[in-house]
Amino acid sequence: MTRPPFLGLLAAAAAITLAGCASPPDRYYTLVPIGADIAATLRPAGSPLVIELLPLALPERLSRPQMLVRQAGDAASAEVAVLEQHRWASSFENELRDALAGGVAARLGAVDGSRSGGNVGRAPGQPAWRIAVQVRQFDAIEGARVDAALSWSIRRSDQDTSAGCQWQASEAAGSGIDGVAQGAQRVTARAADAIARQVSALAAGTMGDCKP
């Protein structure tokens, strides 16, 4: 049976309407550099160190996979945009913890005891350097910069004394959300660098520093 012409027009119009209402595809980002080749420049002599990065403490607003940004020129504004179509590949906490733990371990040539199977390459009874990180700030201003402020303490698992640090740094964010993600990657890498330097110094018997 031949379809009346007006039904065909209605079907075509409905298809166009649905296409026009479709949400833009989600885009996912990571704080972990893909394929990054980080030399173990801080490798201490003797057996590889073992590091354990404890679960992060961070503000509730950051406990989500969606990216948060302020618009360029609104650095002093209290308004933050939650980007539903631009997300971290996992929760922000997991992304940041993976990036920091992996970055510190790579720079030290250390065993990352934070991960499952982290005992591979670890001598029986070998103490670990436990790192507790608090995220005080991690703010992105689109087209401008990413500001991060972290605090951490480092303690060897067989000792009671610990060393701490108050650290902050900024990285330029290029245009668009891709630029924000790249700036966030760079500032995270700088934090991993600072933590690794302090662990290396403590392992050598000195306090070291944690300058950005």
N, C-alpha and C. Protein backbone atom coordinates (compact mmCIF):
# COMPACT_ATOMS: atom_id res chain seq x y z
N MET A 1 0.86 -1.19 0.00
CA MET A 1 0.00 0.00 0.00
C MET A 1 0.90 1.24 0.00
N THR A 2 0.53 2.20 -0.84
CA THR A 2 1.34 3.42 -0.96
C THR A 2 1.12 4.31 0.25
N ARG A 3 2.22 4.80 0.84
CA ARG A 3 2.11 5.70 1.99
C ARG A 3 1.71 7.08 1.52
N PRO A 4 0.72 7.69 2.19
CA PRO A 4 0.33 9.06 1.83
C PRO A 4 1.52 10.00 1.94
N PRO A 5 1.68 10.94 1.02
CA PRO A 5 2.85 11.83 1.01
C PRO A 5 3.06 12.56 2.32
N PHE A 6 1.94 12.95 2.97
CA PHE A 6 2.11 13.77 4.18
C PHE A 6 2.75 12.95 5.30
N LEU A 7 2.56 11.59 5.31
CA LEU A 7 3.19 10.77 6.34
C LEU A 7 4.70 10.73 6.16
N GLY A 8 5.13 10.68 4.91
CA GLY A 8 6.57 10.73 4.65
C GLY A 8 7.19 12.03 5.11
N LEU A 9 6.46 13.13 4.87
CA LEU A 9 6.97 14.43 5.31
C LEU A 9 7.05 14.50 6.83
N LEU A 10 6.03 13.93 7.51
CA LEU A 10 6.03 13.94 8.97
C LEU A 10 7.22 13.12 9.52
N ALA A 11 7.49 11.96 8.89
CA ALA A 11 8.61 11.13 9.34
C ALA A 11 9.93 11.85 9.16
N ALA A 12 10.09 12.52 8.02
CA ALA A 12 11.33 13.26 7.77
C ALA A 12 11.50 14.40 8.76
N ALA A 13 10.40 15.11 9.03
CA ALA A 13 10.46 16.22 9.98
C ALA A 13 10.81 15.72 11.37
N ALA A 14 10.23 14.56 11.76
CA ALA A 14 10.52 14.00 13.08
C ALA A 14 12.00 13.63 13.20
N ALA A 15 12.56 13.05 12.12
CA ALA A 15 13.97 12.66 12.14
C ALA A 15 14.87 13.88 12.28
N ILE A 16 14.53 14.96 11.56
CA ILE A 16 15.33 16.19 11.64
C ILE A 16 15.25 16.79 13.04
N THR A 17 14.05 16.76 13.64
CA THR A 17 13.86 17.31 14.98
C THR A 17 14.68 16.53 16.00
N LEU A 18 14.64 15.19 15.91
CA LEU A 18 15.41 14.38 16.84
C LEU A 18 16.90 14.62 16.69
N ALA A 19 17.35 14.75 15.45
CA ALA A 19 18.78 15.01 15.23
C ALA A 19 19.18 16.36 15.81
N GLY A 20 18.30 17.35 15.67
CA GLY A 20 18.61 18.68 16.18
C GLY A 20 18.62 18.73 17.69
N CYS A 21 17.86 17.82 18.35
CA CYS A 21 17.77 17.81 19.81
C CYS A 21 18.82 16.91 20.44
N ALA A 22 19.57 16.15 19.64
CA ALA A 22 20.54 15.22 20.20
C ALA A 22 21.62 15.98 20.96
N SER A 23 22.01 15.43 22.12
CA SER A 23 23.04 16.06 22.93
C SER A 23 24.40 15.88 22.26
N PRO A 24 25.29 16.84 22.43
CA PRO A 24 26.65 16.66 21.88
C PRO A 24 27.32 15.47 22.56
N PRO A 25 28.20 14.76 21.89
CA PRO A 25 28.83 13.59 22.48
C PRO A 25 29.70 13.96 23.67
N ASP A 26 29.75 13.08 24.67
CA ASP A 26 30.61 13.31 25.82
C ASP A 26 32.07 13.17 25.41
N ARG A 27 32.91 13.96 26.05
CA ARG A 27 34.36 13.87 25.83
C ARG A 27 35.02 13.57 27.18
N TYR A 28 36.01 12.70 27.14
CA TYR A 28 36.65 12.24 28.37
C TYR A 28 38.13 12.60 28.36
N TYR A 29 38.64 12.97 29.55
CA TYR A 29 40.02 13.43 29.69
C TYR A 29 40.68 12.68 30.84
N THR A 30 42.01 12.66 30.83
CA THR A 30 42.75 12.02 31.91
C THR A 30 43.85 12.93 32.41
N LEU A 31 44.19 12.78 33.68
CA LEU A 31 45.33 13.50 34.25
C LEU A 31 46.62 12.69 34.12
N VAL A 32 46.49 11.44 33.71
CA VAL A 32 47.66 10.58 33.56
C VAL A 32 48.21 10.74 32.14
N PRO A 33 49.42 11.24 31.98
CA PRO A 33 49.99 11.40 30.63
C PRO A 33 50.06 10.05 29.92
N ILE A 34 49.52 9.98 28.73
CA ILE A 34 49.52 8.74 27.97
C ILE A 34 50.88 8.54 27.31
N GLY A 35 51.49 7.40 27.58
CA GLY A 35 52.76 7.07 26.94
C GLY A 35 53.92 7.95 27.38
N ALA A 36 53.76 8.64 28.53
CA ALA A 36 54.85 9.50 28.99
C ALA A 36 56.05 8.66 29.42
N ASP A 37 57.22 9.06 29.01
CA ASP A 37 58.45 8.36 29.36
C ASP A 37 59.20 9.22 30.37
N ILE A 38 58.97 8.94 31.66
CA ILE A 38 59.57 9.73 32.72
C ILE A 38 60.79 8.98 33.25
N ALA A 39 61.94 9.56 33.08
CA ALA A 39 63.16 8.91 33.56
C ALA A 39 63.21 8.93 35.08
N ALA A 40 63.73 7.86 35.65
CA ALA A 40 63.84 7.76 37.10
C ALA A 40 65.07 8.55 37.56
N THR A 41 65.00 9.85 37.45
CA THR A 41 66.15 10.71 37.73
C THR A 41 66.46 10.79 39.22
N LEU A 42 65.50 10.41 40.08
CA LEU A 42 65.72 10.50 41.52
C LEU A 42 65.96 9.13 42.13
N ARG A 43 66.27 8.14 41.31
CA ARG A 43 66.43 6.77 41.81
C ARG A 43 67.54 6.70 42.86
N PRO A 44 67.21 6.27 44.09
CA PRO A 44 68.25 6.14 45.11
C PRO A 44 69.05 4.86 44.92
N ALA A 45 70.21 4.80 45.56
CA ALA A 45 71.03 3.60 45.48
C ALA A 45 70.38 2.48 46.28
N GLY A 46 70.67 1.25 45.92
CA GLY A 46 70.13 0.11 46.65
C GLY A 46 68.80 -0.36 46.10
N SER A 47 68.04 -1.04 46.95
CA SER A 47 66.75 -1.60 46.53
C SER A 47 65.78 -0.48 46.17
N PRO A 48 64.88 -0.74 45.22
CA PRO A 48 63.88 0.27 44.87
C PRO A 48 63.02 0.63 46.09
N LEU A 49 62.68 1.89 46.19
CA LEU A 49 61.78 2.32 47.25
C LEU A 49 60.37 1.80 46.97
N VAL A 50 59.57 1.76 48.01
CA VAL A 50 58.15 1.44 47.88
C VAL A 50 57.37 2.67 48.33
N ILE A 51 56.44 3.12 47.50
CA ILE A 51 55.59 4.25 47.88
C ILE A 51 54.14 3.78 47.97
N GLU A 52 53.39 4.39 48.86
CA GLU A 52 51.96 4.13 48.97
C GLU A 52 51.25 5.47 49.09
N LEU A 53 50.48 5.82 48.08
CA LEU A 53 49.71 7.05 48.13
C LEU A 53 48.34 6.73 48.70
N LEU A 54 48.03 7.30 49.85
CA LEU A 54 46.76 7.02 50.52
C LEU A 54 45.62 7.71 49.78
N PRO A 55 44.37 7.30 50.03
CA PRO A 55 43.23 7.99 49.40
C PRO A 55 43.29 9.49 49.67
N LEU A 56 42.98 10.29 48.67
CA LEU A 56 43.09 11.74 48.78
C LEU A 56 41.95 12.31 49.62
N ALA A 57 42.25 13.43 50.25
CA ALA A 57 41.21 14.25 50.89
C ALA A 57 41.00 15.46 50.00
N LEU A 58 39.78 15.71 49.60
CA LEU A 58 39.52 16.83 48.69
C LEU A 58 38.14 17.41 48.93
N PRO A 59 37.92 18.68 48.52
CA PRO A 59 36.61 19.31 48.71
C PRO A 59 35.50 18.54 48.01
N GLU A 60 34.32 18.58 48.58
CA GLU A 60 33.18 17.84 48.03
C GLU A 60 32.88 18.24 46.59
N ARG A 61 33.10 19.50 46.26
CA ARG A 61 32.76 19.96 44.91
C ARG A 61 33.59 19.26 43.83
N LEU A 62 34.76 18.74 44.23
CA LEU A 62 35.62 18.05 43.28
C LEU A 62 35.34 16.55 43.19
N SER A 63 34.44 16.07 44.04
CA SER A 63 34.15 14.63 44.08
C SER A 63 33.13 14.27 43.01
N ARG A 64 33.52 14.40 41.77
CA ARG A 64 32.63 14.13 40.64
C ARG A 64 33.49 13.91 39.41
N PRO A 65 32.95 13.24 38.39
CA PRO A 65 33.71 13.07 37.15
C PRO A 65 33.64 14.28 36.22
N GLN A 66 32.62 15.13 36.36
CA GLN A 66 32.49 16.28 35.47
C GLN A 66 33.60 17.30 35.73
N MET A 67 34.07 17.94 34.66
CA MET A 67 35.06 19.00 34.82
C MET A 67 34.38 20.27 35.32
N LEU A 68 35.08 21.01 36.15
CA LEU A 68 34.58 22.27 36.69
C LEU A 68 35.46 23.39 36.16
N VAL A 69 34.84 24.43 35.63
CA VAL A 69 35.62 25.56 35.12
C VAL A 69 34.93 26.87 35.45
N ARG A 70 35.74 27.91 35.55
CA ARG A 70 35.23 29.27 35.53
C ARG A 70 35.52 29.84 34.14
N GLN A 71 34.68 30.72 33.68
CA GLN A 71 34.91 31.32 32.38
C GLN A 71 36.04 32.34 32.45
N ALA A 72 36.74 32.52 31.35
CA ALA A 72 37.83 33.49 31.30
C ALA A 72 37.31 34.87 31.68
N GLY A 73 38.04 35.55 32.53
CA GLY A 73 37.63 36.88 32.98
C GLY A 73 36.78 36.84 34.22
N ASP A 74 36.43 35.63 34.69
CA ASP A 74 35.58 35.51 35.88
C ASP A 74 36.33 34.86 37.04
N ALA A 75 37.63 35.13 37.15
CA ALA A 75 38.44 34.47 38.18
C ALA A 75 37.92 34.77 39.58
N ALA A 76 37.33 35.95 39.78
CA ALA A 76 36.85 36.31 41.11
C ALA A 76 35.41 35.89 41.33
N SER A 77 34.78 35.33 40.31
CA SER A 77 33.37 34.96 40.42
C SER A 77 33.22 33.71 41.28
N ALA A 78 32.09 33.63 42.00
CA ALA A 78 31.79 32.44 42.78
C ALA A 78 31.12 31.37 41.93
N GLU A 79 30.75 31.70 40.69
CA GLU A 79 30.03 30.75 39.84
C GLU A 79 31.00 29.79 39.14
N VAL A 80 30.69 28.52 39.23
CA VAL A 80 31.49 27.47 38.60
C VAL A 80 30.59 26.67 37.68
N ALA A 81 31.05 26.43 36.46
CA ALA A 81 30.27 25.64 35.50
C ALA A 81 30.65 24.17 35.63
N VAL A 82 29.62 23.32 35.76
CA VAL A 82 29.80 21.87 35.78
C VAL A 82 29.56 21.37 34.36
N LEU A 83 30.59 20.86 33.72
CA LEU A 83 30.51 20.50 32.30
C LEU A 83 30.09 19.03 32.16
N GLU A 84 28.81 18.83 31.85
CA GLU A 84 28.29 17.47 31.74
C GLU A 84 28.90 16.71 30.57
N GLN A 85 29.23 17.41 29.48
CA GLN A 85 29.77 16.74 28.30
C GLN A 85 31.30 16.64 28.29
N HIS A 86 31.95 17.17 29.33
CA HIS A 86 33.41 17.10 29.44
C HIS A 86 33.73 16.52 30.81
N ARG A 87 34.21 15.29 30.81
CA ARG A 87 34.41 14.56 32.07
C ARG A 87 35.80 13.95 32.14
N TRP A 88 36.22 13.71 33.38
CA TRP A 88 37.43 12.92 33.60
C TRP A 88 37.08 11.47 33.33
N ALA A 89 38.08 10.68 32.96
CA ALA A 89 37.85 9.29 32.59
C ALA A 89 37.34 8.46 33.77
N SER A 90 37.63 8.88 34.99
CA SER A 90 37.06 8.29 36.20
C SER A 90 36.74 9.46 37.12
N SER A 91 36.47 9.21 38.38
CA SER A 91 36.25 10.34 39.28
C SER A 91 37.52 11.18 39.34
N PHE A 92 37.37 12.47 39.62
CA PHE A 92 38.55 13.35 39.69
C PHE A 92 39.52 12.84 40.74
N GLU A 93 39.01 12.34 41.87
CA GLU A 93 39.89 11.82 42.92
C GLU A 93 40.74 10.67 42.40
N ASN A 94 40.11 9.72 41.69
CA ASN A 94 40.88 8.59 41.17
C ASN A 94 41.89 9.02 40.11
N GLU A 95 41.47 9.96 39.24
CA GLU A 95 42.39 10.45 38.21
C GLU A 95 43.62 11.09 38.85
N LEU A 96 43.39 11.96 39.84
CA LEU A 96 44.50 12.67 40.47
C LEU A 96 45.38 11.71 41.25
N ARG A 97 44.79 10.79 41.96
CA ARG A 97 45.59 9.83 42.73
C ARG A 97 46.43 8.96 41.81
N ASP A 98 45.85 8.46 40.73
CA ASP A 98 46.61 7.64 39.79
C ASP A 98 47.77 8.42 39.17
N ALA A 99 47.49 9.68 38.81
CA ALA A 99 48.53 10.50 38.18
C ALA A 99 49.66 10.80 39.16
N LEU A 100 49.33 11.11 40.41
CA LEU A 100 50.36 11.41 41.40
C LEU A 100 51.15 10.16 41.76
N ALA A 101 50.47 9.06 42.03
CA ALA A 101 51.16 7.82 42.41
C ALA A 101 52.06 7.33 41.29
N GLY A 102 51.52 7.31 40.07
CA GLY A 102 52.32 6.86 38.94
C GLY A 102 53.49 7.78 38.66
N GLY A 103 53.26 9.09 38.78
CA GLY A 103 54.33 10.05 38.53
C GLY A 103 55.44 9.97 39.55
N VAL A 104 55.08 9.84 40.84
CA VAL A 104 56.09 9.73 41.89
C VAL A 104 56.89 8.45 41.72
N ALA A 105 56.19 7.33 41.48
CA ALA A 105 56.87 6.05 41.32
C ALA A 105 57.83 6.07 40.12
N ALA A 106 57.39 6.67 39.02
CA ALA A 106 58.23 6.71 37.82
C ALA A 106 59.48 7.53 38.06
N ARG A 107 59.35 8.66 38.73
CA ARG A 107 60.50 9.54 38.96
C ARG A 107 61.51 8.90 39.92
N LEU A 108 61.02 8.07 40.84
CA LEU A 108 61.89 7.43 41.83
C LEU A 108 62.34 6.04 41.40
N GLY A 109 61.76 5.51 40.32
CA GLY A 109 62.01 4.12 39.99
C GLY A 109 61.51 3.22 41.09
N ALA A 110 60.39 3.61 41.72
CA ALA A 110 59.89 2.94 42.93
C ALA A 110 58.78 1.95 42.60
N VAL A 111 58.53 1.07 43.55
CA VAL A 111 57.38 0.17 43.48
C VAL A 111 56.17 0.95 43.98
N ASP A 112 55.09 0.94 43.19
CA ASP A 112 53.87 1.65 43.57
C ASP A 112 52.96 0.70 44.34
N GLY A 113 53.04 0.75 45.65
CA GLY A 113 52.20 -0.09 46.50
C GLY A 113 50.78 0.38 46.59
N SER A 114 50.44 1.51 45.94
CA SER A 114 49.06 2.01 45.96
C SER A 114 48.16 1.15 45.09
N ARG A 115 48.73 0.46 44.11
CA ARG A 115 47.94 -0.30 43.15
C ARG A 115 47.82 -1.75 43.59
N SER A 116 46.78 -2.42 43.09
CA SER A 116 46.66 -3.84 43.35
C SER A 116 47.84 -4.54 42.70
N GLY A 117 48.39 -5.52 43.41
CA GLY A 117 49.60 -6.16 42.92
C GLY A 117 50.84 -5.33 43.15
N GLY A 118 50.73 -4.34 44.02
CA GLY A 118 51.85 -3.44 44.27
C GLY A 118 53.01 -4.06 45.04
N ASN A 119 52.88 -5.34 45.42
CA ASN A 119 53.98 -6.01 46.13
C ASN A 119 55.00 -6.60 45.17
N VAL A 120 54.71 -6.55 43.86
CA VAL A 120 55.66 -7.06 42.88
C VAL A 120 56.93 -6.21 42.92
N GLY A 121 58.07 -6.86 43.11
CA GLY A 121 59.33 -6.13 43.19
C GLY A 121 59.64 -5.59 44.57
N ARG A 122 58.80 -5.92 45.54
CA ARG A 122 58.99 -5.44 46.91
C ARG A 122 59.56 -6.55 47.77
N ALA A 123 60.65 -6.27 48.47
CA ALA A 123 61.26 -7.27 49.33
C ALA A 123 60.36 -7.55 50.53
N PRO A 124 60.32 -8.79 51.03
CA PRO A 124 59.49 -9.10 52.19
C PRO A 124 59.84 -8.21 53.38
N GLY A 125 58.81 -7.61 53.97
CA GLY A 125 59.01 -6.73 55.12
C GLY A 125 59.56 -5.37 54.81
N GLN A 126 59.76 -5.06 53.51
CA GLN A 126 60.32 -3.76 53.16
C GLN A 126 59.34 -2.64 53.50
N PRO A 127 59.79 -1.62 54.24
CA PRO A 127 58.87 -0.52 54.59
C PRO A 127 58.51 0.31 53.36
N ALA A 128 57.38 0.99 53.48
CA ALA A 128 56.91 1.85 52.39
C ALA A 128 56.91 3.30 52.85
N TRP A 129 57.07 4.18 51.88
CA TRP A 129 56.92 5.61 52.14
C TRP A 129 55.46 5.97 51.87
N ARG A 130 54.73 6.28 52.93
CA ARG A 130 53.30 6.55 52.83
C ARG A 130 53.06 8.05 52.67
N ILE A 131 52.29 8.37 51.66
CA ILE A 131 52.07 9.77 51.30
C ILE A 131 50.58 10.08 51.42
N ALA A 132 50.24 11.03 52.27
CA ALA A 132 48.85 11.46 52.46
C ALA A 132 48.71 12.86 51.87
N VAL A 133 47.81 13.01 50.91
CA VAL A 133 47.66 14.28 50.18
C VAL A 133 46.28 14.86 50.44
N GLN A 134 46.26 16.15 50.75
CA GLN A 134 45.00 16.90 50.85
C GLN A 134 44.98 17.93 49.72
N VAL A 135 43.90 17.92 48.95
CA VAL A 135 43.72 18.88 47.87
C VAL A 135 42.98 20.09 48.43
N ARG A 136 43.66 21.20 48.52
CA ARG A 136 43.03 22.41 49.06
C ARG A 136 42.38 23.23 47.95
N GLN A 137 42.94 23.15 46.74
CA GLN A 137 42.40 23.91 45.61
C GLN A 137 42.79 23.21 44.32
N PHE A 138 41.87 23.18 43.38
CA PHE A 138 42.18 22.73 42.02
C PHE A 138 41.15 23.40 41.12
N ASP A 139 41.47 24.62 40.69
CA ASP A 139 40.52 25.47 39.97
C ASP A 139 41.03 25.75 38.56
N ALA A 140 40.12 25.66 37.61
CA ALA A 140 40.45 25.92 36.21
C ALA A 140 39.69 27.14 35.71
N ILE A 141 40.39 28.04 35.06
CA ILE A 141 39.79 29.20 34.42
C ILE A 141 40.02 29.04 32.93
N GLU A 142 38.94 28.82 32.19
CA GLU A 142 39.04 28.50 30.77
C GLU A 142 39.79 29.59 30.01
N GLY A 143 40.78 29.19 29.24
CA GLY A 143 41.55 30.13 28.45
C GLY A 143 42.57 30.91 29.25
N ALA A 144 42.74 30.59 30.54
CA ALA A 144 43.67 31.35 31.37
C ALA A 144 44.67 30.43 32.07
N ARG A 145 44.23 29.73 33.12
CA ARG A 145 45.18 28.95 33.90
C ARG A 145 44.45 27.90 34.75
N VAL A 146 45.26 27.01 35.30
CA VAL A 146 44.79 26.03 36.30
C VAL A 146 45.60 26.26 37.56
N ASP A 147 44.91 26.51 38.67
CA ASP A 147 45.56 26.76 39.96
C ASP A 147 45.38 25.53 40.85
N ALA A 148 46.47 25.08 41.46
CA ALA A 148 46.40 23.93 42.37
C ALA A 148 47.12 24.26 43.66
N ALA A 149 46.54 23.82 44.78
CA ALA A 149 47.17 23.96 46.09
C ALA A 149 46.97 22.65 46.83
N LEU A 150 48.07 22.00 47.18
CA LEU A 150 48.03 20.70 47.85
C LEU A 150 48.83 20.77 49.14
N SER A 151 48.44 19.94 50.09
CA SER A 151 49.24 19.71 51.29
C SER A 151 49.51 18.21 51.36
N TRP A 152 50.68 17.83 51.83
CA TRP A 152 50.91 16.41 52.02
C TRP A 152 51.85 16.14 53.18
N SER A 153 51.76 14.94 53.68
CA SER A 153 52.71 14.47 54.69
C SER A 153 53.28 13.14 54.19
N ILE A 154 54.54 12.89 54.53
CA ILE A 154 55.25 11.69 54.08
C ILE A 154 55.83 11.02 55.32
N ARG A 155 55.55 9.72 55.45
CA ARG A 155 56.04 8.98 56.62
C ARG A 155 56.46 7.58 56.18
N ARG A 156 57.59 7.11 56.70
CA ARG A 156 57.97 5.73 56.45
C ARG A 156 57.15 4.82 57.35
N SER A 157 56.70 3.71 56.81
CA SER A 157 55.73 2.88 57.54
C SER A 157 56.26 2.30 58.84
N ASP A 158 57.58 2.22 58.98
CA ASP A 158 58.15 1.68 60.22
C ASP A 158 58.65 2.78 61.15
N GLN A 159 58.25 4.02 60.89
CA GLN A 159 58.65 5.14 61.74
C GLN A 159 57.44 5.99 62.10
N ASP A 160 57.57 6.75 63.19
CA ASP A 160 56.46 7.60 63.63
C ASP A 160 56.58 9.03 63.12
N THR A 161 57.78 9.47 62.81
CA THR A 161 57.98 10.85 62.39
C THR A 161 57.58 11.02 60.92
N SER A 162 57.16 12.23 60.59
CA SER A 162 56.75 12.52 59.22
C SER A 162 57.21 13.91 58.83
N ALA A 163 57.24 14.16 57.53
CA ALA A 163 57.57 15.48 57.00
C ALA A 163 56.37 15.96 56.19
N GLY A 164 56.13 17.26 56.22
CA GLY A 164 54.97 17.81 55.52
C GLY A 164 55.34 18.90 54.54
N CYS A 165 54.35 19.32 53.78
CA CYS A 165 54.57 20.35 52.77
C CYS A 165 53.26 21.07 52.47
N GLN A 166 53.36 22.37 52.25
CA GLN A 166 52.26 23.18 51.71
C GLN A 166 52.73 23.64 50.33
N TRP A 167 52.04 23.23 49.28
CA TRP A 167 52.52 23.43 47.92
C TRP A 167 51.43 24.05 47.06
N GLN A 168 51.82 24.97 46.19
CA GLN A 168 50.86 25.52 45.24
C GLN A 168 51.57 25.94 43.97
N ALA A 169 50.84 25.87 42.85
CA ALA A 169 51.43 26.22 41.56
C ALA A 169 50.30 26.50 40.58
N SER A 170 50.64 27.15 39.48
CA SER A 170 49.68 27.44 38.41
C SER A 170 50.31 27.06 37.09
N GLU A 171 49.46 26.65 36.16
CA GLU A 171 49.88 26.35 34.79
C GLU A 171 48.92 27.03 33.82
N ALA A 172 49.46 27.52 32.73
CA ALA A 172 48.62 28.16 31.72
C ALA A 172 47.67 27.13 31.10
N ALA A 173 46.46 27.58 30.82
CA ALA A 173 45.46 26.76 30.14
C ALA A 173 45.22 27.36 28.76
N GLY A 174 45.43 26.58 27.74
CA GLY A 174 45.20 27.07 26.38
C GLY A 174 43.72 27.23 26.10
N SER A 175 43.40 27.48 24.85
CA SER A 175 42.01 27.73 24.50
C SER A 175 41.19 26.45 24.58
N GLY A 176 39.93 26.60 24.98
CA GLY A 176 39.02 25.47 25.02
C GLY A 176 39.26 24.55 26.20
N ILE A 177 38.41 23.51 26.28
CA ILE A 177 38.52 22.57 27.38
C ILE A 177 39.74 21.67 27.22
N ASP A 178 40.17 21.41 25.98
CA ASP A 178 41.41 20.66 25.78
C ASP A 178 42.57 21.38 26.46
N GLY A 179 42.62 22.70 26.35
CA GLY A 179 43.67 23.48 26.99
C GLY A 179 43.60 23.39 28.50
N VAL A 180 42.38 23.37 29.05
CA VAL A 180 42.21 23.21 30.50
C VAL A 180 42.76 21.86 30.95
N ALA A 181 42.40 20.79 30.22
CA ALA A 181 42.86 19.45 30.59
C ALA A 181 44.38 19.35 30.53
N GLN A 182 44.99 19.96 29.51
CA GLN A 182 46.44 19.91 29.39
C GLN A 182 47.12 20.69 30.51
N GLY A 183 46.54 21.85 30.88
CA GLY A 183 47.08 22.61 32.01
C GLY A 183 46.97 21.83 33.30
N ALA A 184 45.86 21.11 33.49
CA ALA A 184 45.68 20.28 34.68
C ALA A 184 46.69 19.15 34.72
N GLN A 185 46.97 18.56 33.57
CA GLN A 185 48.00 17.51 33.50
C GLN A 185 49.36 18.06 33.92
N ARG A 186 49.70 19.23 33.42
CA ARG A 186 51.02 19.79 33.71
C ARG A 186 51.18 20.15 35.18
N VAL A 187 50.16 20.74 35.78
CA VAL A 187 50.29 21.12 37.19
C VAL A 187 50.32 19.88 38.07
N THR A 188 49.62 18.82 37.66
CA THR A 188 49.67 17.56 38.41
C THR A 188 51.06 16.94 38.32
N ALA A 189 51.68 17.01 37.13
CA ALA A 189 53.04 16.49 36.97
C ALA A 189 54.02 17.25 37.85
N ARG A 190 53.82 18.56 38.00
CA ARG A 190 54.71 19.35 38.86
C ARG A 190 54.54 18.94 40.33
N ALA A 191 53.32 18.63 40.73
CA ALA A 191 53.10 18.17 42.10
C ALA A 191 53.78 16.82 42.33
N ALA A 192 53.65 15.91 41.37
CA ALA A 192 54.33 14.61 41.48
C ALA A 192 55.84 14.80 41.59
N ASP A 193 56.37 15.74 40.83
CA ASP A 193 57.79 16.05 40.87
C ASP A 193 58.22 16.49 42.28
N ALA A 194 57.44 17.39 42.87
CA ALA A 194 57.77 17.92 44.19
C ALA A 194 57.68 16.83 45.26
N ILE A 195 56.66 15.98 45.18
CA ILE A 195 56.54 14.89 46.15
C ILE A 195 57.72 13.93 46.01
N ALA A 196 58.05 13.57 44.77
CA ALA A 196 59.16 12.64 44.54
C ALA A 196 60.48 13.21 45.07
N ARG A 197 60.72 14.49 44.86
CA ARG A 197 61.96 15.10 45.37
C ARG A 197 62.03 14.99 46.89
N GLN A 198 60.89 15.21 47.55
CA GLN A 198 60.91 15.16 49.01
C GLN A 198 61.09 13.73 49.52
N VAL A 199 60.44 12.77 48.88
CA VAL A 199 60.65 11.37 49.27
C VAL A 199 62.12 10.98 49.09
N SER A 200 62.71 11.38 47.97
CA SER A 200 64.12 11.06 47.71
C SER A 200 65.02 11.66 48.78
N ALA A 201 64.74 12.90 49.16
CA ALA A 201 65.55 13.56 50.19
C ALA A 201 65.40 12.85 51.53
N LEU A 202 64.18 12.49 51.89
CA LEU A 202 63.95 11.80 53.16
C LEU A 202 64.64 10.44 53.17
N ALA A 203 64.60 9.74 52.05
CA ALA A 203 65.26 8.44 51.96
C ALA A 203 66.77 8.57 52.11
N ALA A 204 67.29 9.74 51.71
CA ALA A 204 68.73 10.00 51.84
C ALA A 204 69.10 10.56 53.20
N GLY A 205 68.09 10.75 54.07
CA GLY A 205 68.37 11.23 55.42
C GLY A 205 68.33 12.72 55.59
N THR A 206 67.83 13.46 54.59
CA THR A 206 67.69 14.91 54.71
C THR A 206 66.22 15.28 54.56
N MET A 207 65.89 16.50 54.92
CA MET A 207 64.49 16.95 54.86
C MET A 207 64.11 17.38 53.44
N GLY A 208 65.06 17.94 52.69
CA GLY A 208 64.75 18.42 51.35
C GLY A 208 63.78 19.58 51.39
N ASP A 209 63.18 19.89 50.24
CA ASP A 209 62.19 20.95 50.17
C ASP A 209 61.10 20.51 49.21
N CYS A 210 60.09 21.32 49.12
CA CYS A 210 58.98 20.97 48.23
C CYS A 210 58.55 22.18 47.40
N LYS A 211 59.54 22.91 46.92
CA LYS A 211 59.24 24.08 46.11
C LYS A 211 58.59 23.66 44.80
N PRO A 212 57.65 24.48 44.27
CA PRO A 212 57.03 24.15 42.98
C PRO A 212 58.07 24.06 41.87
